[in-house]
């Protein structure tokens, strides 16, 4: 370092706060927070099809393991996956692997289980129904 290069003092002058000033600021902040109660901050991640599919694929091995029983989060994830065909397919495969029947999975997902199919007039049983 050369002799000409010296450090200059800052033009911004600062002073240290006393303990009483810090406490006064703290109390003022706490009063502001108390005045705003009740406060709820919710962080919500948008459920994109890619996210739903990734979550379904990640959860599939755990769901398919022996002795697994669904939690509230698993059922919520199943219901969320109904909006995306790929995610729903991955989720339903994992639930089937865990031993759940398709009808039970659809019921938990909130989807209609089509029990009765409309019979056509050509079906052999149709004659019995029409008479």
N, C-alpha and C. Protein backbone atom coordinates (compact mmCIF):
# COMPACT_ATOMS: atom_id res chain seq x y z
N UNK A 1 0.83 -1.16 0.00
CA UNK A 1 0.00 0.00 0.00
C UNK A 1 0.88 1.23 0.00
N UNK A 2 0.51 2.16 -0.81
CA UNK A 2 1.33 3.37 -0.88
C UNK A 2 0.97 4.34 0.24
N UNK A 3 1.80 5.30 0.39
CA UNK A 3 1.62 6.28 1.46
C UNK A 3 0.42 7.18 1.17
N UNK A 4 0.17 7.44 -0.15
CA UNK A 4 -0.92 8.32 -0.50
C UNK A 4 -2.29 7.71 -0.26
N UNK A 5 -2.38 6.39 -0.30
CA UNK A 5 -3.66 5.73 -0.11
C UNK A 5 -3.94 5.57 1.38
N UNK A 6 -4.88 6.29 1.81
CA UNK A 6 -5.29 6.19 3.21
C UNK A 6 -6.80 6.05 3.26
N UNK A 7 -7.25 5.45 4.32
CA UNK A 7 -8.69 5.28 4.47
C UNK A 7 -9.29 6.54 5.07
N UNK A 8 -10.40 6.96 4.47
CA UNK A 8 -11.10 8.14 4.95
C UNK A 8 -12.26 7.70 5.85
N UNK A 9 -12.60 8.57 6.75
CA UNK A 9 -13.75 8.28 7.61
C UNK A 9 -15.02 8.46 6.81
N UNK A 10 -16.05 7.77 7.22
CA UNK A 10 -17.33 7.84 6.52
C UNK A 10 -18.00 9.17 6.79
N UNK A 11 -18.72 9.65 5.77
CA UNK A 11 -19.47 10.89 5.95
C UNK A 11 -20.74 10.66 6.77
N UNK A 12 -21.16 9.41 6.85
CA UNK A 12 -22.35 9.08 7.64
C UNK A 12 -21.91 8.92 9.09
N UNK A 13 -22.46 9.73 9.93
CA UNK A 13 -22.11 9.65 11.35
C UNK A 13 -23.17 8.83 12.07
N UNK A 14 -22.76 7.85 12.80
CA UNK A 14 -23.66 6.97 13.53
C UNK A 14 -23.43 7.13 15.02
N UNK A 15 -24.47 6.85 15.76
CA UNK A 15 -24.31 6.83 17.21
C UNK A 15 -24.93 5.54 17.73
N UNK A 16 -24.39 5.03 18.78
CA UNK A 16 -24.90 3.80 19.38
C UNK A 16 -26.16 4.10 20.16
N UNK A 17 -27.12 3.19 20.05
CA UNK A 17 -28.35 3.34 20.82
C UNK A 17 -28.12 2.84 22.23
N UNK A 18 -28.76 3.50 23.14
CA UNK A 18 -28.66 3.05 24.53
C UNK A 18 -29.60 1.87 24.72
N UNK A 19 -29.41 1.19 25.83
CA UNK A 19 -30.26 0.04 26.14
C UNK A 19 -31.72 0.47 26.28
N UNK A 20 -31.95 1.63 26.84
CA UNK A 20 -33.31 2.13 27.00
C UNK A 20 -33.96 2.42 25.64
N UNK A 21 -33.20 2.96 24.68
CA UNK A 21 -33.74 3.22 23.35
C UNK A 21 -34.09 1.92 22.63
N UNK A 22 -33.25 0.91 22.77
CA UNK A 22 -33.52 -0.39 22.15
C UNK A 22 -34.78 -1.00 22.75
N UNK A 23 -34.93 -0.92 24.07
CA UNK A 23 -36.12 -1.45 24.74
C UNK A 23 -37.38 -0.69 24.29
N UNK A 24 -37.26 0.62 24.15
CA UNK A 24 -38.41 1.42 23.70
C UNK A 24 -38.84 1.02 22.29
N UNK A 25 -37.87 0.78 21.38
CA UNK A 25 -38.19 0.34 20.03
C UNK A 25 -38.85 -1.04 20.05
N UNK A 26 -38.31 -1.91 20.90
CA UNK A 26 -38.85 -3.27 21.02
C UNK A 26 -40.30 -3.23 21.48
N UNK A 27 -40.58 -2.43 22.50
CA UNK A 27 -41.94 -2.30 23.02
C UNK A 27 -42.89 -1.73 21.96
N UNK A 28 -42.41 -0.75 21.20
CA UNK A 28 -43.23 -0.15 20.15
C UNK A 28 -43.57 -1.18 19.06
N UNK A 29 -42.59 -1.99 18.70
CA UNK A 29 -42.84 -3.03 17.70
C UNK A 29 -43.82 -4.07 18.22
N UNK A 30 -43.67 -4.47 19.48
CA UNK A 30 -44.59 -5.44 20.06
C UNK A 30 -46.01 -4.88 20.14
N UNK A 31 -46.14 -3.58 20.41
CA UNK A 31 -47.46 -2.95 20.42
C UNK A 31 -48.10 -2.98 19.04
N UNK A 32 -47.30 -2.75 18.01
CA UNK A 32 -47.81 -2.79 16.63
C UNK A 32 -48.29 -4.19 16.29
N UNK A 33 -47.51 -5.18 16.68
CA UNK A 33 -47.88 -6.57 16.40
C UNK A 33 -49.15 -6.94 17.15
N UNK A 34 -49.25 -6.56 18.43
CA UNK A 34 -50.44 -6.87 19.22
C UNK A 34 -51.68 -6.19 18.66
N UNK A 35 -51.53 -5.01 18.11
CA UNK A 35 -52.68 -4.30 17.54
C UNK A 35 -53.21 -5.00 16.29
N UNK A 36 -52.36 -5.72 15.60
CA UNK A 36 -52.76 -6.39 14.38
C UNK A 36 -53.27 -7.80 14.56
N UNK A 37 -53.35 -8.31 15.75
CA UNK A 37 -53.80 -9.68 15.99
C UNK A 37 -55.28 -9.80 15.77
N UNK A 38 -55.84 -10.88 15.42
CA UNK A 38 -55.19 -12.13 15.05
C UNK A 38 -54.66 -12.08 13.63
N UNK A 39 -53.50 -12.63 13.43
CA UNK A 39 -52.88 -12.65 12.11
C UNK A 39 -52.67 -14.09 11.69
N UNK A 40 -52.99 -14.36 10.46
CA UNK A 40 -52.74 -15.67 9.90
C UNK A 40 -52.06 -15.48 8.57
N UNK A 41 -50.95 -16.11 8.42
CA UNK A 41 -50.23 -16.06 7.16
C UNK A 41 -50.26 -17.46 6.58
N UNK A 42 -50.86 -17.58 5.41
CA UNK A 42 -50.96 -18.88 4.77
C UNK A 42 -50.11 -18.87 3.51
N UNK A 43 -49.31 -19.89 3.40
CA UNK A 43 -48.48 -20.05 2.22
C UNK A 43 -49.10 -21.16 1.39
N UNK A 44 -49.54 -20.83 0.21
CA UNK A 44 -50.19 -21.83 -0.63
C UNK A 44 -49.42 -21.97 -1.93
N UNK A 45 -49.05 -23.19 -2.21
CA UNK A 45 -48.35 -23.49 -3.45
C UNK A 45 -49.40 -23.85 -4.49
N UNK A 46 -49.31 -23.24 -5.66
CA UNK A 46 -50.25 -23.56 -6.72
C UNK A 46 -49.99 -24.97 -7.22
N UNK A 47 -51.06 -25.74 -7.34
CA UNK A 47 -50.94 -27.13 -7.76
C UNK A 47 -50.95 -27.21 -9.28
N UNK A 48 -49.79 -27.24 -9.86
CA UNK A 48 -49.69 -27.40 -11.31
C UNK A 48 -49.72 -28.88 -11.64
N UNK A 49 -50.07 -29.26 -12.85
CA UNK A 49 -50.08 -30.68 -13.22
C UNK A 49 -48.73 -31.35 -13.01
N UNK A 50 -47.66 -30.62 -13.29
CA UNK A 50 -46.32 -31.19 -13.12
C UNK A 50 -46.04 -31.48 -11.65
N UNK A 51 -46.44 -30.55 -10.77
CA UNK A 51 -46.24 -30.74 -9.34
C UNK A 51 -47.04 -31.92 -8.83
N UNK A 52 -48.31 -32.03 -9.25
CA UNK A 52 -49.16 -33.13 -8.81
C UNK A 52 -48.58 -34.48 -9.25
N UNK A 53 -48.09 -34.52 -10.48
CA UNK A 53 -47.50 -35.77 -10.98
C UNK A 53 -46.23 -36.12 -10.21
N UNK A 54 -45.40 -35.13 -9.93
CA UNK A 54 -44.16 -35.39 -9.17
C UNK A 54 -44.47 -35.86 -7.75
N UNK A 55 -45.46 -35.25 -7.12
CA UNK A 55 -45.84 -35.66 -5.76
C UNK A 55 -46.38 -37.08 -5.77
N UNK A 56 -47.20 -37.41 -6.77
CA UNK A 56 -47.76 -38.76 -6.87
C UNK A 56 -46.67 -39.79 -7.08
N UNK A 57 -45.71 -39.49 -7.95
CA UNK A 57 -44.61 -40.43 -8.20
C UNK A 57 -43.74 -40.62 -6.97
N UNK A 58 -43.52 -39.52 -6.21
CA UNK A 58 -42.69 -39.59 -5.01
C UNK A 58 -43.39 -40.38 -3.90
N UNK A 59 -44.71 -40.26 -3.83
CA UNK A 59 -45.46 -40.92 -2.76
C UNK A 59 -45.78 -42.38 -3.09
N UNK A 60 -45.68 -42.78 -4.35
CA UNK A 60 -46.08 -44.12 -4.78
C UNK A 60 -45.35 -45.25 -4.04
N UNK A 61 -44.03 -45.22 -3.87
CA UNK A 61 -43.38 -46.33 -3.16
C UNK A 61 -43.82 -46.44 -1.69
N UNK A 62 -44.03 -45.31 -1.05
CA UNK A 62 -44.47 -45.34 0.34
C UNK A 62 -45.89 -45.89 0.44
N UNK A 63 -46.76 -45.47 -0.49
CA UNK A 63 -48.14 -45.94 -0.48
C UNK A 63 -48.20 -47.43 -0.78
N UNK A 64 -47.36 -47.87 -1.71
CA UNK A 64 -47.38 -49.27 -2.10
C UNK A 64 -46.74 -50.22 -1.10
N UNK A 65 -46.16 -49.71 -0.06
CA UNK A 65 -45.49 -50.58 0.90
C UNK A 65 -46.51 -51.37 1.73
N UNK A 66 -46.08 -52.48 2.26
CA UNK A 66 -46.96 -53.36 3.02
C UNK A 66 -47.42 -52.70 4.32
N UNK A 67 -48.70 -52.81 4.61
CA UNK A 67 -49.22 -52.31 5.87
C UNK A 67 -49.53 -50.83 5.88
N UNK A 68 -49.48 -50.18 4.73
CA UNK A 68 -49.73 -48.74 4.67
C UNK A 68 -51.20 -48.44 4.83
N UNK A 69 -51.50 -47.43 5.60
CA UNK A 69 -52.87 -46.94 5.74
C UNK A 69 -52.87 -45.45 5.45
N UNK A 70 -53.87 -44.95 4.72
CA UNK A 70 -53.85 -43.55 4.29
C UNK A 70 -54.02 -42.57 5.44
N UNK A 71 -53.27 -41.48 5.37
CA UNK A 71 -53.40 -40.39 6.32
C UNK A 71 -54.27 -39.31 5.67
N UNK A 72 -54.57 -38.27 6.42
CA UNK A 72 -55.36 -37.17 5.87
C UNK A 72 -54.62 -36.51 4.71
N UNK A 73 -53.30 -36.42 4.82
CA UNK A 73 -52.51 -35.81 3.74
C UNK A 73 -52.56 -36.66 2.48
N UNK A 74 -52.54 -38.00 2.66
CA UNK A 74 -52.60 -38.89 1.50
C UNK A 74 -53.94 -38.76 0.78
N UNK A 75 -55.02 -38.67 1.55
CA UNK A 75 -56.35 -38.53 0.95
C UNK A 75 -56.47 -37.18 0.25
N UNK A 76 -55.92 -36.12 0.86
CA UNK A 76 -55.94 -34.80 0.23
C UNK A 76 -55.14 -34.81 -1.07
N UNK A 77 -54.01 -35.50 -1.06
CA UNK A 77 -53.19 -35.60 -2.27
C UNK A 77 -53.93 -36.39 -3.35
N UNK A 78 -54.67 -37.42 -2.96
CA UNK A 78 -55.46 -38.20 -3.91
C UNK A 78 -56.55 -37.32 -4.54
N UNK A 79 -57.22 -36.52 -3.71
CA UNK A 79 -58.27 -35.64 -4.23
C UNK A 79 -57.69 -34.56 -5.14
N UNK A 80 -56.52 -34.04 -4.79
CA UNK A 80 -55.88 -33.03 -5.63
C UNK A 80 -55.45 -33.61 -6.98
N UNK A 81 -55.07 -34.87 -6.98
CA UNK A 81 -54.57 -35.48 -8.20
C UNK A 81 -55.68 -35.76 -9.22
N UNK A 82 -56.95 -35.68 -8.80
CA UNK A 82 -58.03 -35.95 -9.75
C UNK A 82 -58.11 -34.91 -10.86
N UNK A 83 -57.49 -33.77 -10.69
CA UNK A 83 -57.49 -32.75 -11.72
C UNK A 83 -56.53 -33.02 -12.85
N UNK A 84 -55.62 -33.97 -12.68
CA UNK A 84 -54.62 -34.26 -13.70
C UNK A 84 -54.62 -35.76 -13.95
N UNK A 85 -54.81 -36.16 -15.20
CA UNK A 85 -54.92 -37.58 -15.54
C UNK A 85 -53.64 -38.36 -15.20
N UNK A 86 -52.49 -37.78 -15.51
CA UNK A 86 -51.23 -38.50 -15.25
C UNK A 86 -50.99 -38.66 -13.76
N UNK A 87 -51.25 -37.61 -12.98
CA UNK A 87 -51.06 -37.71 -11.53
C UNK A 87 -52.06 -38.68 -10.92
N UNK A 88 -53.31 -38.64 -11.39
CA UNK A 88 -54.33 -39.54 -10.86
C UNK A 88 -53.99 -41.00 -11.19
N UNK A 89 -53.50 -41.22 -12.40
CA UNK A 89 -53.12 -42.58 -12.79
C UNK A 89 -51.98 -43.11 -11.92
N UNK A 90 -50.97 -42.28 -11.67
CA UNK A 90 -49.85 -42.70 -10.82
C UNK A 90 -50.32 -42.95 -9.39
N UNK A 91 -51.21 -42.09 -8.90
CA UNK A 91 -51.71 -42.25 -7.54
C UNK A 91 -52.57 -43.49 -7.41
N UNK A 92 -53.47 -43.70 -8.37
CA UNK A 92 -54.37 -44.86 -8.28
C UNK A 92 -53.60 -46.17 -8.40
N UNK A 93 -52.52 -46.18 -9.20
CA UNK A 93 -51.68 -47.38 -9.29
C UNK A 93 -51.04 -47.70 -7.94
N UNK A 94 -50.55 -46.66 -7.27
CA UNK A 94 -49.92 -46.88 -5.96
C UNK A 94 -50.94 -47.38 -4.95
N UNK A 95 -52.14 -46.82 -4.96
CA UNK A 95 -53.18 -47.24 -4.03
C UNK A 95 -53.62 -48.68 -4.34
N UNK A 96 -53.70 -49.04 -5.63
CA UNK A 96 -54.04 -50.42 -6.00
C UNK A 96 -52.95 -51.38 -5.53
N UNK A 97 -51.71 -50.96 -5.65
CA UNK A 97 -50.60 -51.80 -5.20
C UNK A 97 -50.66 -52.02 -3.69
N UNK A 98 -51.18 -51.03 -2.97
CA UNK A 98 -51.32 -51.15 -1.52
C UNK A 98 -52.50 -52.04 -1.13
N UNK A 99 -53.33 -52.43 -2.12
CA UNK A 99 -54.41 -53.35 -1.84
C UNK A 99 -55.80 -52.75 -1.83
N UNK A 100 -55.93 -51.49 -2.18
CA UNK A 100 -57.24 -50.85 -2.20
C UNK A 100 -57.94 -51.17 -3.51
N UNK A 101 -59.24 -51.39 -3.45
CA UNK A 101 -60.03 -51.63 -4.65
C UNK A 101 -60.30 -50.30 -5.35
N UNK A 102 -60.52 -50.38 -6.65
CA UNK A 102 -60.75 -49.17 -7.44
C UNK A 102 -61.97 -48.42 -6.93
N UNK A 103 -63.01 -49.15 -6.56
CA UNK A 103 -64.23 -48.52 -6.07
C UNK A 103 -63.96 -47.71 -4.80
N UNK A 104 -63.15 -48.26 -3.89
CA UNK A 104 -62.82 -47.56 -2.64
C UNK A 104 -61.95 -46.34 -2.92
N UNK A 105 -61.03 -46.46 -3.87
CA UNK A 105 -60.16 -45.33 -4.21
C UNK A 105 -61.00 -44.20 -4.79
N UNK A 106 -61.92 -44.54 -5.69
CA UNK A 106 -62.77 -43.51 -6.29
C UNK A 106 -63.64 -42.85 -5.24
N UNK A 107 -64.11 -43.63 -4.28
CA UNK A 107 -64.95 -43.07 -3.22
C UNK A 107 -64.13 -42.09 -2.37
N UNK A 108 -62.90 -42.46 -2.00
CA UNK A 108 -62.04 -41.57 -1.22
C UNK A 108 -61.65 -40.32 -2.02
N UNK A 109 -61.52 -40.48 -3.33
CA UNK A 109 -61.14 -39.35 -4.18
C UNK A 109 -62.31 -38.43 -4.45
N UNK A 110 -63.52 -38.88 -4.12
CA UNK A 110 -64.69 -38.05 -4.37
C UNK A 110 -65.18 -38.15 -5.80
N UNK A 111 -64.80 -39.21 -6.49
CA UNK A 111 -65.24 -39.41 -7.87
C UNK A 111 -66.39 -40.39 -7.88
N UNK A 112 -67.30 -40.25 -8.83
CA UNK A 112 -68.44 -41.18 -8.87
C UNK A 112 -67.99 -42.56 -9.33
N UNK A 113 -68.40 -43.57 -8.60
CA UNK A 113 -68.13 -44.95 -8.99
C UNK A 113 -69.35 -45.43 -9.76
N UNK A 114 -69.20 -45.68 -11.03
CA UNK A 114 -70.33 -46.08 -11.86
C UNK A 114 -70.63 -47.55 -11.62
N UNK A 115 -71.62 -47.80 -10.78
CA UNK A 115 -71.96 -49.18 -10.43
C UNK A 115 -72.76 -49.84 -11.54
N UNK A 116 -73.74 -49.12 -12.03
CA UNK A 116 -74.65 -49.70 -12.99
C UNK A 116 -74.41 -49.09 -14.35
N UNK A 117 -74.25 -49.95 -15.33
CA UNK A 117 -74.06 -49.48 -16.70
C UNK A 117 -75.39 -49.57 -17.42
N UNK A 118 -75.61 -48.65 -18.31
CA UNK A 118 -76.82 -48.70 -19.10
C UNK A 118 -76.74 -49.89 -20.04
N UNK A 119 -77.77 -50.71 -20.02
CA UNK A 119 -77.75 -51.90 -20.86
C UNK A 119 -78.32 -51.57 -22.22
N UNK A 120 -77.72 -52.14 -23.24
CA UNK A 120 -78.21 -51.91 -24.60
C UNK A 120 -79.36 -52.86 -24.89
N UNK A 121 -80.12 -52.55 -25.91
CA UNK A 121 -81.28 -53.38 -26.27
C UNK A 121 -80.86 -54.74 -26.79
N UNK A 122 -79.61 -54.85 -27.30
CA UNK A 122 -79.14 -56.12 -27.86
C UNK A 122 -78.65 -57.08 -26.78
N UNK A 123 -78.46 -56.62 -25.58
CA UNK A 123 -77.94 -57.46 -24.52
C UNK A 123 -78.94 -58.54 -24.16
N UNK A 124 -78.47 -59.77 -23.82
CA UNK A 124 -79.42 -60.87 -23.52
C UNK A 124 -80.27 -60.56 -22.29
N UNK A 125 -79.75 -59.81 -21.34
CA UNK A 125 -80.51 -59.50 -20.13
C UNK A 125 -81.52 -58.39 -20.37
N UNK A 126 -81.42 -57.68 -21.47
CA UNK A 126 -82.29 -56.54 -21.74
C UNK A 126 -83.74 -56.99 -21.93
N UNK A 127 -83.94 -58.18 -22.49
CA UNK A 127 -85.30 -58.67 -22.71
C UNK A 127 -86.02 -58.89 -21.39
N UNK A 128 -85.28 -59.37 -20.39
CA UNK A 128 -85.87 -59.62 -19.07
C UNK A 128 -86.28 -58.32 -18.39
N UNK A 129 -85.48 -57.29 -18.60
CA UNK A 129 -85.74 -56.01 -17.94
C UNK A 129 -86.92 -55.30 -18.59
N UNK A 130 -87.02 -55.41 -19.92
CA UNK A 130 -88.07 -54.68 -20.63
C UNK A 130 -89.45 -55.30 -20.39
N UNK A 131 -89.52 -56.58 -20.14
CA UNK A 131 -90.84 -57.24 -19.97
C UNK A 131 -91.40 -57.02 -18.63
